[in-house]
């Protein structure tokens, strides 16, 4: 169940961040509404994930996977292609999240 809540939190945050870009500094109504609703849902689902995961692990997963997904959406939809250094950095973030989930006793496997 913890990963269902984490996935919902991540997807809500990614939706909100993508809408934030389209909100034009909160001057466009529907992207602004989607941003606010998305962030509210993201924190709601993250709070439920915290019942099962330590805050450090949950936040690392939430922010790390979110960064990568937003970068992919930015590259595909907004044509904001990251350079090699950014890709290496994101790969290290993913590696860190995998190490924490696969090897750490903190996650409560």
C-alpha atoms as a PDB file:
ATOM      1  CA  UNK A   1       0.000   0.000   0.000  1.00  0.00           C
ATOM      2  CA  UNK A   2       2.894   2.360   0.719  1.00  0.00           C
ATOM      3  CA  UNK A   3       3.907   2.355  -2.940  1.00  0.00           C
ATOM      4  CA  UNK A   4       0.350   3.056  -4.100  1.00  0.00           C
ATOM      5  CA  UNK A   5       0.364   6.189  -1.949  1.00  0.00           C
ATOM      6  CA  UNK A   6       3.866   7.081  -3.143  1.00  0.00           C
ATOM      7  CA  UNK A   7       2.858   6.666  -6.794  1.00  0.00           C
ATOM      8  CA  UNK A   8      -0.237   8.826  -6.278  1.00  0.00           C
ATOM      9  CA  UNK A   9       1.848  11.485  -4.522  1.00  0.00           C
ATOM     10  CA  UNK A  10       4.467  11.474  -7.274  1.00  0.00           C
ATOM     11  CA  UNK A  11       1.950  11.587 -10.120  1.00  0.00           C
ATOM     12  CA  UNK A  12       0.012  14.406  -8.427  1.00  0.00           C
ATOM     13  CA  UNK A  13       3.208  16.403  -7.907  1.00  0.00           C
ATOM     14  CA  UNK A  14       4.339  15.856 -11.496  1.00  0.00           C
ATOM     15  CA  UNK A  15       0.912  16.942 -12.775  1.00  0.00           C
ATOM     16  CA  UNK A  16       1.033  20.050 -10.569  1.00  0.00           C
ATOM     17  CA  UNK A  17       4.549  20.984 -11.629  1.00  0.00           C
ATOM     18  CA  UNK A  18       3.710  20.541 -15.290  1.00  0.00           C
ATOM     19  CA  UNK A  19       0.595  22.681 -14.857  1.00  0.00           C
ATOM     20  CA  UNK A  20       2.656  25.275 -12.974  1.00  0.00           C
ATOM     21  CA  UNK A  21       4.731  25.777 -16.088  1.00  0.00           C
ATOM     22  CA  UNK A  22       1.541  26.301 -18.105  1.00  0.00           C
ATOM     23  CA  UNK A  23      -0.029  28.629 -15.522  1.00  0.00           C
ATOM     24  CA  UNK A  24       2.110  31.560 -16.701  1.00  0.00           C
ATOM     25  CA  UNK A  25       2.838  32.743 -13.138  1.00  0.00           C
ATOM     26  CA  UNK A  26      -0.761  31.970 -12.069  1.00  0.00           C
ATOM     27  CA  UNK A  27      -2.275  34.239 -14.719  1.00  0.00           C
ATOM     28  CA  UNK A  28      -4.126  31.386 -16.495  1.00  0.00           C
ATOM     29  CA  UNK A  29      -7.052  29.999 -14.498  1.00  0.00           C
ATOM     30  CA  UNK A  30      -7.235  26.269 -15.282  1.00  0.00           C
ATOM     31  CA  UNK A  31      -3.506  25.500 -15.173  1.00  0.00           C
ATOM     32  CA  UNK A  32      -3.390  27.457 -11.888  1.00  0.00           C
ATOM     33  CA  UNK A  33      -6.290  25.452 -10.447  1.00  0.00           C
ATOM     34  CA  UNK A  34      -4.663  22.204 -11.594  1.00  0.00           C
ATOM     35  CA  UNK A  35      -1.420  23.275  -9.926  1.00  0.00           C
ATOM     36  CA  UNK A  36      -3.076  23.962  -6.581  1.00  0.00           C
ATOM     37  CA  UNK A  37      -5.187  20.800  -6.648  1.00  0.00           C
ATOM     38  CA  UNK A  38      -2.218  18.695  -7.758  1.00  0.00           C
ATOM     39  CA  UNK A  39       0.047  19.917  -4.967  1.00  0.00           C
ATOM     40  CA  UNK A  40      -2.721  19.466  -2.380  1.00  0.00           C
ATOM     41  CA  UNK A  41      -3.254  15.876  -3.564  1.00  0.00           C
ATOM     42  CA  UNK A  42       0.503  15.253  -3.624  1.00  0.00           C
ATOM     43  CA  UNK A  43       0.885  16.238   0.020  1.00  0.00           C
ATOM     44  CA  UNK A  44      -2.254  14.338   0.980  1.00  0.00           C
ATOM     45  CA  UNK A  45      -0.966  11.107  -0.571  1.00  0.00           C
ATOM     46  CA  UNK A  46       2.553  11.712   0.742  1.00  0.00           C
ATOM     47  CA  UNK A  47       1.135  12.060   4.256  1.00  0.00           C
ATOM     48  CA  UNK A  48      -0.469   8.626   3.884  1.00  0.00           C
ATOM     49  CA  UNK A  49       2.783   7.121   2.617  1.00  0.00           C
ATOM     50  CA  UNK A  50       4.464   8.423   5.770  1.00  0.00           C
ATOM     51  CA  UNK A  51       2.426   5.934   7.799  1.00  0.00           C
ATOM     52  CA  UNK A  52       4.523   3.190   6.190  1.00  0.00           C
ATOM     53  CA  UNK A  53       7.843   4.822   5.324  1.00  0.00           C
ATOM     54  CA  UNK A  54      10.302   7.007   7.220  1.00  0.00           C
ATOM     55  CA  UNK A  55      10.085  10.630   6.107  1.00  0.00           C
ATOM     56  CA  UNK A  56      13.652  10.623   4.734  1.00  0.00           C
ATOM     57  CA  UNK A  57      12.991   7.639   2.501  1.00  0.00           C
ATOM     58  CA  UNK A  58       9.551   8.801   1.384  1.00  0.00           C
ATOM     59  CA  UNK A  59      10.807  12.282   0.543  1.00  0.00           C
ATOM     60  CA  UNK A  60      13.804  10.913  -1.359  1.00  0.00           C
ATOM     61  CA  UNK A  61      11.554   8.686  -3.451  1.00  0.00           C
ATOM     62  CA  UNK A  62       8.947  11.416  -3.982  1.00  0.00           C
ATOM     63  CA  UNK A  63      11.367  14.123  -4.981  1.00  0.00           C
ATOM     64  CA  UNK A  64      13.794  11.907  -6.909  1.00  0.00           C
ATOM     65  CA  UNK A  65      11.252  10.146  -9.088  1.00  0.00           C
ATOM     66  CA  UNK A  66       9.366  13.425  -9.485  1.00  0.00           C
ATOM     67  CA  UNK A  67      12.480  15.196 -10.774  1.00  0.00           C
ATOM     68  CA  UNK A  68      13.073  12.520 -13.382  1.00  0.00           C
ATOM     69  CA  UNK A  69       9.439  12.420 -14.541  1.00  0.00           C
ATOM     70  CA  UNK A  70       9.243  16.217 -14.789  1.00  0.00           C
ATOM     71  CA  UNK A  71      12.475  16.209 -16.797  1.00  0.00           C
ATOM     72  CA  UNK A  72      11.058  13.602 -19.177  1.00  0.00           C
ATOM     73  CA  UNK A  73       7.837  15.589 -19.622  1.00  0.00           C
ATOM     74  CA  UNK A  74       9.874  18.751 -20.077  1.00  0.00           C
ATOM     75  CA  UNK A  75      11.960  17.099 -22.777  1.00  0.00           C
ATOM     76  CA  UNK A  76       9.070  15.448 -24.620  1.00  0.00           C
ATOM     77  CA  UNK A  77       6.313  18.041 -24.283  1.00  0.00           C
ATOM     78  CA  UNK A  78       8.124  21.339 -23.717  1.00  0.00           C
ATOM     79  CA  UNK A  79      11.233  20.528 -25.781  1.00  0.00           C
ATOM     80  CA  UNK A  80      13.459  21.379 -22.773  1.00  0.00           C
ATOM     81  CA  UNK A  81      16.022  18.648 -23.364  1.00  0.00           C
ATOM     82  CA  UNK A  82      18.513  18.239 -20.485  1.00  0.00           C
ATOM     83  CA  UNK A  83      22.214  18.143 -21.265  1.00  0.00           C
ATOM     84  CA  UNK A  84      24.540  15.242 -20.459  1.00  0.00           C
ATOM     85  CA  UNK A  85      25.416  16.512 -16.977  1.00  0.00           C
ATOM     86  CA  UNK A  86      21.720  16.808 -16.053  1.00  0.00           C
ATOM     87  CA  UNK A  87      21.077  13.277 -17.325  1.00  0.00           C
ATOM     88  CA  UNK A  88      23.992  11.908 -15.300  1.00  0.00           C
ATOM     89  CA  UNK A  89      22.685  13.717 -12.224  1.00  0.00           C
ATOM     90  CA  UNK A  90      19.221  12.262 -12.689  1.00  0.00           C
ATOM     91  CA  UNK A  91      20.693   8.799 -13.178  1.00  0.00           C
ATOM     92  CA  UNK A  92      22.481   9.210  -9.846  1.00  0.00           C
ATOM     93  CA  UNK A  93      19.195  10.244  -8.207  1.00  0.00           C
ATOM     94  CA  UNK A  94      17.496   7.112  -9.562  1.00  0.00           C
ATOM     95  CA  UNK A  95      20.439   4.990  -8.414  1.00  0.00           C
ATOM     96  CA  UNK A  96      20.152   6.472  -4.925  1.00  0.00           C
ATOM     97  CA  UNK A  97      16.434   5.751  -4.741  1.00  0.00           C
ATOM     98  CA  UNK A  98      17.037   2.173  -5.909  1.00  0.00           C
ATOM     99  CA  UNK A  99      19.821   1.618  -3.368  1.00  0.00           C
ATOM    100  CA  UNK A 100      17.590   2.892  -0.561  1.00  0.00           C
ATOM    101  CA  UNK A 101      14.674   0.711  -1.596  1.00  0.00           C
ATOM    102  CA  UNK A 102      16.576  -2.449  -2.420  1.00  0.00           C
ATOM    103  CA  UNK A 103      19.331  -2.460   0.164  1.00  0.00           C
ATOM    104  CA  UNK A 104      18.368  -0.282   3.111  1.00  0.00           C
ATOM    105  CA  UNK A 105      16.672  -1.775   6.134  1.00  0.00           C
ATOM    106  CA  UNK A 106      15.093   1.659   6.747  1.00  0.00           C
ATOM    107  CA  UNK A 107      12.383   1.124   4.126  1.00  0.00           C
ATOM    108  CA  UNK A 108      10.832  -1.785   5.989  1.00  0.00           C
ATOM    109  CA  UNK A 109      10.808  -4.444   3.260  1.00  0.00           C
END
